[in-house]
Protein backbone atom coordinates (compact mmCIF):
# COMPACT_ATOMS: atom_id res chain seq x y z
CA MET A 1 14.99 -55.97 13.68
CA SER A 2 17.81 -57.94 12.05
CA LYS A 3 19.71 -59.85 14.57
CA VAL A 4 23.62 -59.37 13.92
CA VAL A 5 26.16 -62.13 14.44
CA ASP A 6 29.31 -60.59 15.88
CA MET A 7 32.40 -63.29 16.19
CA LYS A 8 34.62 -60.95 18.48
CA ALA A 9 30.88 -60.76 20.51
CA ASN A 10 30.04 -64.00 20.51
CA LYS A 11 32.56 -66.28 19.71
CA GLY A 12 31.50 -70.21 19.51
CA LYS A 13 27.43 -68.66 20.55
CA GLU A 14 26.28 -68.94 16.50
CA LYS A 15 28.91 -69.15 13.81
CA ILE A 16 28.23 -68.07 10.21
CA THR A 17 28.65 -70.06 7.77
CA VAL A 18 28.42 -68.83 3.71
CA LYS A 19 26.06 -71.73 3.31
CA LYS A 20 23.50 -69.24 5.78
CA ILE A 21 24.25 -66.16 4.05
CA PHE A 22 23.47 -67.88 0.83
CA GLN A 23 20.56 -69.80 2.42
CA GLU A 24 18.74 -66.04 2.92
CA HIS A 25 19.78 -63.70 -0.01
CA TRP A 26 20.77 -66.81 -3.19
CA ASP A 27 16.60 -66.58 -4.65
CA GLN A 28 17.12 -62.12 -4.14
CA PHE A 29 20.55 -62.70 -5.94
CA ARG A 30 18.81 -64.59 -8.70
CA LYS A 31 16.34 -62.01 -9.85
CA GLU A 32 18.77 -58.97 -9.01
CA LYS A 33 22.34 -59.59 -10.44
CA TRP A 34 22.07 -62.41 -12.23
CA SER A 35 22.78 -60.94 -15.28
CA GLY A 36 26.77 -60.05 -14.02
CA ILE A 37 27.37 -63.74 -14.32
CA PRO A 38 28.00 -64.47 -17.89
CA LEU A 39 25.63 -66.15 -20.00
CA ASP A 40 27.84 -69.44 -20.86
CA MET A 41 28.51 -69.30 -17.02
CA GLN A 42 25.05 -69.45 -15.41
CA LYS A 43 23.72 -72.80 -15.74
CA SER A 44 27.36 -73.62 -14.09
CA VAL A 45 27.10 -71.60 -11.51
CA GLU A 46 23.38 -72.43 -10.49
CA GLU A 47 23.62 -76.37 -10.08
CA THR A 48 27.41 -75.67 -7.93
CA VAL A 49 24.97 -73.62 -5.84
CA THR A 50 21.65 -75.26 -5.64
CA LYS A 51 24.53 -78.76 -4.54
CA MET A 52 25.90 -76.96 -1.63
CA LEU A 53 23.33 -75.33 -0.15
CA GLY A 54 21.55 -79.45 -0.56
CA CYS A 55 24.97 -80.31 1.18
CA GLY A 56 23.89 -82.70 3.82
CA ASP A 57 20.20 -82.13 3.05
CA PRO A 58 18.82 -86.17 4.04
CA LYS A 59 16.16 -85.53 0.68
CA ASN A 60 18.98 -85.91 -1.67
CA GLY A 61 20.42 -88.75 -0.12
CA TYR A 62 20.97 -90.59 3.04
CA THR A 63 22.47 -93.14 5.60
CA LYS A 64 20.82 -94.37 8.50
CA TYR A 65 22.23 -95.57 11.50
CA VAL A 66 19.99 -97.45 13.71
CA CYS A 67 21.07 -98.60 17.41
CA THR A 68 19.32 -102.34 18.15
CA GLU A 69 20.03 -101.85 21.61
CA CYS A 70 17.60 -99.12 22.59
CA GLY A 71 16.43 -98.26 19.00
CA GLU A 72 18.15 -94.96 18.78
CA GLU A 73 18.24 -93.95 14.69
CA LYS A 74 21.04 -91.39 13.48
CA VAL A 75 20.53 -90.05 9.69
CA VAL A 76 22.97 -89.00 7.74
CA GLY A 77 22.55 -86.26 4.61
CA PHE A 78 24.88 -87.30 1.76
CA THR A 79 27.44 -84.52 1.72
CA CYS A 80 27.99 -82.64 -1.79
CA LYS A 81 31.51 -83.23 -2.53
CA SER A 82 32.35 -80.15 -3.67
CA ARG A 83 34.65 -77.43 -4.28
CA PHE A 84 32.35 -74.53 -3.55
CA CYS A 85 31.00 -75.65 -0.63
CA ASN A 86 33.50 -74.65 2.90
CA SER A 87 32.63 -78.03 3.92
CA CYS A 88 33.62 -80.73 1.97
CA GLY A 89 36.68 -78.65 0.30
CA LYS A 90 38.77 -79.96 2.94
CA VAL A 91 38.14 -83.70 2.59
CA TYR A 92 38.44 -82.75 -1.61
CA ILE A 93 42.48 -81.48 -0.69
CA GLU A 94 42.90 -84.36 1.34
CA ASN A 95 41.85 -86.65 -0.94
CA TRP A 96 43.67 -85.16 -4.05
CA VAL A 97 47.15 -84.84 -1.81
CA ASN A 98 47.27 -88.19 -1.40
CA LYS A 99 46.34 -89.44 -4.99
CA GLN A 100 49.31 -87.39 -6.18
CA VAL A 101 51.16 -88.10 -4.24
CA GLU A 102 51.90 -91.65 -5.89
CA ASN A 103 52.19 -89.90 -8.96
CA ILE A 104 54.80 -87.14 -8.43
CA ILE A 105 58.34 -87.65 -9.13
CA GLU A 106 60.31 -88.02 -6.19
CA THR A 107 62.47 -85.04 -6.64
CA PRO A 108 62.82 -81.54 -5.75
CA HIS A 109 60.81 -79.53 -7.56
CA ARG A 110 60.11 -75.44 -8.27
CA HIS A 111 56.68 -73.56 -7.14
CA ALA A 112 55.93 -70.58 -9.54
CA VAL A 113 53.16 -68.49 -10.08
CA PHE A 114 52.52 -66.25 -13.01
CA THR A 115 49.92 -63.54 -12.76
CA VAL A 116 47.75 -61.70 -14.52
CA PRO A 117 47.45 -57.29 -15.11
CA ALA A 118 44.41 -55.90 -13.52
CA GLU A 119 43.65 -54.10 -17.33
CA ILE A 120 43.03 -57.24 -19.03
CA ARG A 121 41.40 -59.45 -16.04
CA GLY A 122 37.96 -58.61 -16.85
CA LYS A 123 38.06 -60.08 -19.96
CA ILE A 124 39.27 -63.39 -18.46
CA TYR A 125 36.32 -62.82 -16.13
CA TRP A 126 33.68 -63.29 -19.38
CA ASN A 127 35.46 -65.39 -21.06
CA LYS A 128 37.02 -68.09 -18.55
CA ARG A 129 38.42 -70.40 -21.01
CA LEU A 130 40.80 -68.32 -21.52
CA ILE A 131 42.30 -69.95 -18.54
CA LYS A 132 42.99 -73.02 -19.98
CA ASP A 133 44.85 -71.42 -23.20
CA MET A 134 46.84 -69.57 -20.36
CA SER A 135 48.04 -72.99 -18.15
CA ASP A 136 48.86 -74.64 -21.65
CA ARG A 137 51.63 -70.98 -22.52
CA VAL A 138 52.82 -71.39 -18.88
CA ALA A 139 53.92 -75.08 -19.71
CA GLY A 140 54.78 -74.57 -23.38
CA LEU A 141 57.18 -71.52 -22.52
CA ILE A 142 58.99 -73.61 -19.45
CA GLU A 143 59.38 -76.41 -22.48
CA ARG A 144 60.62 -73.97 -24.25
CA TRP A 145 63.91 -73.16 -22.04
CA TYR A 146 64.76 -76.53 -21.39
CA LYS A 147 64.98 -77.65 -25.41
CA GLN A 148 66.90 -74.03 -26.45
CA ARG A 149 69.02 -75.31 -23.85
CA ASN A 150 69.64 -78.11 -24.40
CA LYS A 151 68.75 -78.84 -28.16
CA GLY A 152 70.89 -82.15 -28.80
CA LEU A 153 69.09 -83.82 -26.31
CA ASP A 154 66.29 -82.66 -26.28
CA TYR A 155 65.26 -82.19 -22.01
CA ARG A 156 61.51 -83.05 -21.16
CA VAL A 157 60.70 -81.88 -17.62
CA GLY A 158 56.85 -82.70 -15.19
CA ILE A 159 55.14 -79.97 -15.17
CA ILE A 160 51.84 -79.52 -12.85
CA THR A 161 49.48 -75.93 -12.75
CA VAL A 162 46.94 -75.21 -11.21
CA VAL A 163 44.45 -72.85 -11.69
CA HIS A 164 43.70 -69.84 -9.26
CA THR A 165 41.26 -67.41 -9.89
CA PHE A 166 40.99 -65.11 -6.21
CA GLY A 167 43.16 -62.94 -3.80
CA ARG A 168 42.90 -62.28 -0.11
CA ASP A 169 40.36 -59.49 -1.05
CA LEU A 170 38.26 -62.20 -2.76
CA LYS A 171 38.84 -59.77 -6.64
CA PHE A 172 39.28 -61.53 -9.72
CA ASN A 173 42.12 -62.67 -9.36
CA PRO A 174 43.51 -64.92 -12.22
CA HIS A 175 46.99 -66.37 -11.92
CA ILE A 176 48.66 -69.66 -12.29
CA HIS A 177 50.38 -71.62 -10.17
CA ALA A 178 53.12 -74.17 -11.74
CA LEU A 179 55.58 -76.75 -10.05
CA VAL A 180 58.25 -77.78 -11.88
CA THR A 181 60.86 -80.76 -11.30
CA GLU A 182 64.00 -80.05 -10.62
CA GLY A 183 65.57 -82.03 -13.71
CA ALA A 184 64.72 -83.66 -17.12
CA LEU A 185 64.70 -86.70 -18.86
CA ASP A 186 67.13 -86.26 -22.60
CA LYS A 187 66.43 -88.12 -25.64
CA TYR A 188 68.71 -90.93 -23.87
CA ASN A 189 66.04 -91.25 -21.09
CA VAL A 190 68.96 -90.33 -19.15
CA TRP A 191 68.03 -88.12 -15.66
CA LYS A 192 69.70 -84.90 -15.84
CA PRO A 193 69.55 -82.30 -12.66
CA VAL A 194 68.90 -78.72 -14.49
CA GLY A 195 68.96 -75.72 -12.94
CA TYR A 196 65.75 -73.05 -12.67
CA ILE A 197 64.53 -70.53 -15.05
CA PRO A 198 66.33 -67.01 -14.83
CA TYR A 199 63.11 -64.82 -14.19
CA GLU A 200 64.13 -62.39 -16.72
CA TYR A 201 63.23 -64.37 -19.51
CA LEU A 202 60.09 -66.01 -17.32
CA ARG A 203 58.46 -62.34 -17.40
CA LYS A 204 59.72 -61.59 -20.90
CA ALA A 205 58.42 -65.01 -21.75
CA TRP A 206 54.83 -64.92 -19.53
CA GLN A 207 54.22 -60.92 -21.01
CA LYS A 208 54.77 -62.30 -24.70
CA VAL A 209 52.70 -65.13 -25.13
CA LEU A 210 49.73 -63.98 -22.62
CA LEU A 211 49.41 -60.70 -24.92
CA ASP A 212 50.37 -62.71 -28.39
CA LEU A 213 46.57 -64.79 -26.57
CA MET A 214 44.56 -61.83 -26.22
CA LYS A 215 45.93 -60.49 -29.64
CA GLU A 216 44.63 -63.90 -31.34
CA LYS A 217 41.17 -63.12 -29.27
CA TYR A 218 40.03 -59.63 -28.96
CA GLY A 219 43.38 -58.54 -31.95
CA HIS A 220 40.35 -57.12 -33.82
CA GLU A 221 39.12 -54.62 -31.35
CA THR A 222 41.10 -51.61 -31.19
CA LYS A 223 40.42 -50.26 -28.12
CA MET A 224 42.55 -54.58 -27.07
CA LYS A 225 45.08 -53.56 -29.87
CA ASN A 226 45.67 -50.34 -27.82
CA LEU A 227 45.74 -52.23 -24.08
CA ILE A 228 48.39 -54.63 -25.97
CA ASN A 229 50.78 -51.53 -26.72
CA MET A 230 50.29 -49.93 -23.44
CA LEU A 231 50.67 -52.94 -21.71
CA TYR A 232 54.47 -53.43 -23.06
CA HIS A 233 55.34 -50.22 -21.74
CA ARG A 234 53.93 -50.36 -18.68
CA TYR A 235 55.48 -53.28 -18.19
CA PRO A 236 59.04 -52.99 -19.87
CA LYS A 237 59.94 -55.91 -17.32
CA GLY A 238 57.45 -58.02 -18.07
CA PHE A 239 54.39 -59.73 -15.98
CA TYR A 240 54.74 -60.71 -12.46
CA VAL A 241 56.05 -63.93 -12.38
CA HIS A 242 57.08 -65.23 -8.55
CA ALA A 243 59.66 -68.16 -8.18
CA GLY A 244 61.39 -68.71 -5.42
CA THR A 245 59.66 -71.52 -3.81
CA ARG A 246 61.87 -74.69 -3.80
CA MET A 247 59.96 -78.17 -2.50
CA ARG A 248 62.06 -81.48 -1.59
CA ASP A 249 59.85 -83.91 -1.89
CA ALA A 250 56.69 -85.53 -3.50
CA ARG A 251 54.53 -84.90 -0.63
CA GLY A 252 55.62 -81.63 0.40
CA ALA A 253 54.93 -80.09 -3.65
CA ALA A 254 51.47 -82.17 -3.45
CA GLN A 255 50.30 -80.40 -0.23
CA TYR A 256 51.93 -77.22 -1.52
CA ILE A 257 49.83 -77.41 -4.89
CA GLY A 258 47.28 -78.36 -2.89
CA ARG A 259 46.67 -76.12 -0.82
CA TYR A 260 45.34 -73.33 -4.35
CA LEU A 261 43.68 -76.48 -5.69
CA ALA A 262 40.15 -76.66 -3.92
CA ARG A 263 40.22 -74.46 -0.66
CA PRO A 264 37.11 -72.06 -0.84
CA ALA A 265 37.50 -68.34 -1.84
CA ILE A 266 37.24 -67.04 1.98
CA ALA A 267 37.61 -69.40 5.60
CA GLU A 268 34.29 -69.24 7.26
CA TYR A 269 36.44 -67.20 10.50
CA ARG A 270 37.38 -64.43 8.36
CA ILE A 271 33.88 -63.64 8.40
CA ILE A 272 33.43 -61.63 11.10
CA LYS A 273 30.02 -59.87 11.38
CA TYR A 274 26.82 -61.17 8.94
CA ASP A 275 23.33 -59.12 10.34
CA GLY A 276 21.44 -60.39 7.75
CA GLN A 277 22.15 -57.25 5.85
CA ASN A 278 25.86 -57.21 5.24
CA VAL A 279 28.62 -59.06 5.55
CA ARG A 280 32.44 -58.36 7.08
CA PHE A 281 35.28 -60.07 6.68
CA TRP A 282 39.03 -59.26 7.26
CA TYR A 283 42.41 -60.29 4.84
CA GLU A 284 46.03 -59.79 5.33
CA ASP A 285 47.12 -56.98 2.92
CA HIS A 286 49.65 -59.27 0.40
CA ASN A 287 51.69 -56.11 0.07
CA THR A 288 51.92 -54.53 3.55
CA GLY A 289 50.94 -57.46 5.93
CA LYS A 290 48.74 -55.62 7.66
CA ARG A 291 44.89 -56.95 8.67
CA GLU A 292 42.70 -55.39 6.35
CA GLU A 293 38.80 -55.24 7.06
CA VAL A 294 35.85 -55.01 4.18
CA GLU A 295 32.34 -54.60 4.49
CA LEU A 296 29.67 -55.98 1.53
CA SER A 297 26.21 -56.55 0.88
CA ALA A 298 25.51 -59.86 1.58
CA LEU A 299 24.49 -59.66 -2.57
CA GLU A 300 28.08 -58.32 -3.01
CA PHE A 301 29.55 -60.84 -1.27
CA ILE A 302 27.49 -63.63 -3.03
CA GLY A 303 29.41 -61.93 -6.14
CA LYS A 304 32.46 -62.28 -5.99
CA LEU A 305 32.45 -66.20 -4.70
CA VAL A 306 30.22 -66.94 -7.16
CA MET A 307 32.48 -65.22 -9.72
CA HIS A 308 35.32 -67.86 -8.62
CA ILE A 309 32.59 -71.36 -9.91
CA PRO A 310 34.67 -72.75 -13.04
CA PRO A 311 32.47 -73.90 -15.64
CA LYS A 312 31.52 -77.44 -15.45
CA TYR A 313 34.01 -80.05 -15.87
CA PHE A 314 36.86 -77.23 -16.30
CA LYS A 315 40.37 -79.21 -15.32
CA MET A 316 41.66 -76.96 -12.77
CA VAL A 317 44.59 -78.85 -12.40
CA ARG A 318 46.83 -79.65 -15.67
CA ARG A 319 49.49 -82.63 -16.56
CA TYR A 320 52.40 -81.62 -18.96
CA GLY A 321 55.54 -83.30 -20.03
CA LEU A 322 56.51 -85.62 -17.20
CA TYR A 323 53.53 -85.86 -15.71
CA GLN A 324 51.20 -87.04 -18.62
CA ARG A 325 49.86 -90.32 -18.35
CA ASN A 326 51.25 -91.97 -20.59
CA LYS A 327 55.09 -90.65 -19.12
CA ASN A 328 54.72 -90.30 -15.98
CA ASN A 329 54.81 -94.68 -15.08
CA GLN A 330 58.55 -94.26 -17.17
CA ALA A 331 59.90 -91.04 -15.24
CA GLN A 332 59.18 -92.31 -11.73
CA LYS A 333 60.86 -95.58 -12.55
CA ILE A 334 64.23 -93.86 -14.43
CA VAL A 335 64.20 -91.07 -11.35
CA SER A 336 64.19 -93.76 -8.51
CA LEU A 337 67.02 -95.69 -10.23
CA TRP A 338 68.93 -92.80 -10.71
CA ASN A 339 68.54 -91.27 -7.21
CA TYR A 340 69.11 -95.08 -5.81
CA VAL A 341 72.76 -94.37 -7.27
CA LYS A 342 73.16 -91.44 -6.47
CA THR A 343 72.56 -92.18 -2.77
CA LYS A 344 72.95 -95.52 -2.32
CA GLU A 345 69.73 -96.04 -0.74
CA ARG A 346 66.91 -98.08 -2.37
CA LYS A 347 63.83 -96.43 -2.81
CA LYS A 348 60.45 -97.82 -3.66
CA THR A 349 59.38 -97.81 -7.21
CA LYS A 350 56.60 -97.81 -6.55
CA LYS A 351 55.23 -96.07 -3.52
CA ASN A 352 52.33 -97.70 -1.34
CA LYS A 353 49.08 -95.86 -2.19
CA SER A 354 47.25 -94.50 0.43
CA ARG A 355 43.32 -94.96 1.03
CA LYS A 356 41.25 -92.60 1.28
CA LEU A 357 38.82 -92.37 5.18
CA THR A 358 36.21 -92.79 5.62
CA TRP A 359 33.61 -90.53 6.88
CA LYS A 360 33.93 -92.18 10.20
CA GLU A 361 36.93 -92.37 10.11
CA ARG A 362 37.65 -88.13 8.98
CA ILE A 363 35.73 -87.92 11.70
CA LYS A 364 37.12 -89.51 14.22
CA LYS A 365 40.62 -87.93 13.55
CA GLU A 366 39.14 -84.36 13.63
CA PHE A 367 36.92 -84.57 16.18
CA SER A 368 37.61 -88.21 18.70
CA ASP A 369 34.48 -88.79 18.55
CA ASN A 370 32.84 -92.02 17.34
CA PRO A 371 30.24 -90.88 15.32
CA THR A 372 28.54 -93.94 14.62
CA ALA A 373 28.22 -95.21 18.20
CA CYS A 374 24.61 -94.25 19.94
CA PRO A 375 24.11 -90.67 21.50
CA LYS A 376 21.62 -92.86 24.22
CA CYS A 377 23.76 -95.64 25.09
CA ARG A 378 26.58 -95.63 23.34
CA CYS A 379 27.02 -99.08 22.14
CA GLU A 380 27.32 -99.20 18.31
CA MET A 381 24.77 -98.63 15.69
CA GLU A 382 24.69 -100.74 12.68
CA LEU A 383 24.39 -99.84 9.02
CA TRP A 384 20.78 -99.83 8.50
CA GLU A 385 19.66 -97.94 5.32
CA ILE A 386 21.39 -95.98 2.34
CA TRP A 387 18.79 -93.99 -0.09
CA HIS A 388 19.62 -92.18 -2.60
CA PRO A 389 16.43 -89.93 -5.10
CA LYS A 390 17.06 -91.25 -8.45
CA TYR A 391 18.38 -94.66 -7.57
CA GLY A 392 16.35 -95.15 -4.17
CA TYR A 393 17.49 -98.02 -1.25
CA ILE A 394 20.70 -98.99 -2.21
CA TYR A 395 21.10 -100.61 0.99
CA ASP A 396 18.27 -101.85 3.34
CA PHE A 397 19.30 -103.95 6.24
CA SER A 398 15.86 -106.01 5.99
CA LYS A 399 17.53 -107.43 2.70
CA ASP A 400 21.04 -107.05 3.20
CA GLY A 401 21.40 -107.46 6.31
CA PRO A 402 23.78 -110.34 7.31
CA GLU A 403 21.80 -111.94 10.02
CA VAL A 404 18.91 -112.19 6.46
CA ARG A 405 21.69 -113.47 4.17
CA GLU A 406 22.32 -115.97 7.27
CA ASN A 407 18.88 -116.78 7.43
CA GLU A 408 18.15 -117.49 3.70
CA GLN A 409 21.28 -119.27 3.21
CA ASN A 410 20.11 -121.83 6.13
CA GLU A 411 16.41 -121.99 4.43
CA GLU A 412 17.83 -122.85 1.14
CA ARG A 413 20.44 -125.47 2.23
CA ARG A 414 17.52 -127.13 4.73
CA ARG A 415 14.66 -126.46 1.27
CA PRO A 416 16.68 -126.25 -1.48
CA GLY A 417 13.32 -126.75 -3.60
CA LEU A 418 11.97 -122.72 -2.18
CA VAL A 419 13.44 -119.46 -3.82
CA ARG A 420 12.79 -116.11 -2.12
CA GLN A 421 10.08 -113.85 -3.20
CA GLY A 422 10.72 -111.37 -1.50
CA THR A 423 11.27 -109.61 2.01
CA ILE A 424 9.46 -107.74 4.81
CA ARG A 425 10.58 -105.37 7.01
CA ARG A 426 7.50 -104.58 10.14
CA ARG A 427 8.42 -101.22 11.48
CA GLY A 428 7.76 -101.05 14.90
CA THR A 429 7.85 -104.43 15.89
CA GLY A 430 10.89 -105.09 18.11
CA GLY A 431 13.03 -105.39 14.81
CA VAL A 432 11.45 -108.70 13.83
CA LEU A 433 12.28 -109.45 10.60
CA GLN A 434 9.77 -111.50 8.59
CA LEU A 435 10.79 -113.69 4.94
CA SER A 436 8.04 -114.28 3.19
CA LEU A 437 9.23 -117.55 0.75
CA GLN A 438 6.89 -119.51 -2.34
CA ALA A 439 7.98 -123.24 -2.84
CA VAL A 440 8.50 -123.98 -6.77
């Protein structure tokens, strides 16, 4: 009989994880459902899932800590650092946000979401390369508005787009998030505050560029020609665009867009039941605000998740206008000066660079616990080994530890004609280190 793990009834007893569901059903999914994955995506999906399943497994690399007081050892497997992994996604977002704060122009931004009608989502699923073209066209229609409105000044705005492919119910629902500066540089490199683009233009322009893209790729198909004509009639006001959210500063803008960058398709707390064969989860309906529950077979659930894996090396974030690398630094300096003149308050042109938290610092921050403290005697454990399956031992205390290096330096000072031939660590001898030296 299958064991039922119900989070409502057994909260805290056993956590349901996405990784567990994949571990138990991935091989079966590969045999029975693999044809549902586009041929050009199968390699990316296979590699991504394999990385996630191997997250934290010492055979994929590890760091070992040893307590020199009581001999206790702790092995910490390398994480996969994949956006698909529920454990690693949060760290990815945190690092991304900190990095973007250094590059985002210190000015208010407007957030817009460009949606895709259900009738053409299937085409995008089977050809995910279209998403890059969609991002380019979103940026193009925004830039075109400002240039047409101020032809003599050649306004340039900053635009960041982020691809998002899933809805709350896990269905394939591709859409583009765009972050746009509420200001532009003119051809004289003078910063000008600008109003936002009217909804009517955004909706109609987005409809046109998206359907033009479909026509370019599939215009030879009679079915697509008819579908394009039907969509113009069905959506006379254009495709839906939401553009009501405004961020006042750089960190707020980076955090807001970061929410959509790398979060997993489903947070594990939303999985309320898994009996080994079926998965039940909940989501909040966007239209009604009510909680809805969905139950799927484990294979269907896996299929819902892997359909959101992007092609290998695909850029989920794209930068345009003032956010292009060759223009960003200049734009930040000009806006900083403009802010200074406007407010009479000096603002730093270059923001202080944030530092990524180490594994140890993140654990302390999240759980208020020191992961390198010995579980037995609570003394600080020593870094002992770092091993990688491809490169072998990257660090070995017996060869790279501070005591060994100090002893080698002292020995060489006493006997300058000696050359160290090798270093051997004797295991099980109370931590004694033996150096083998040869005179030359």
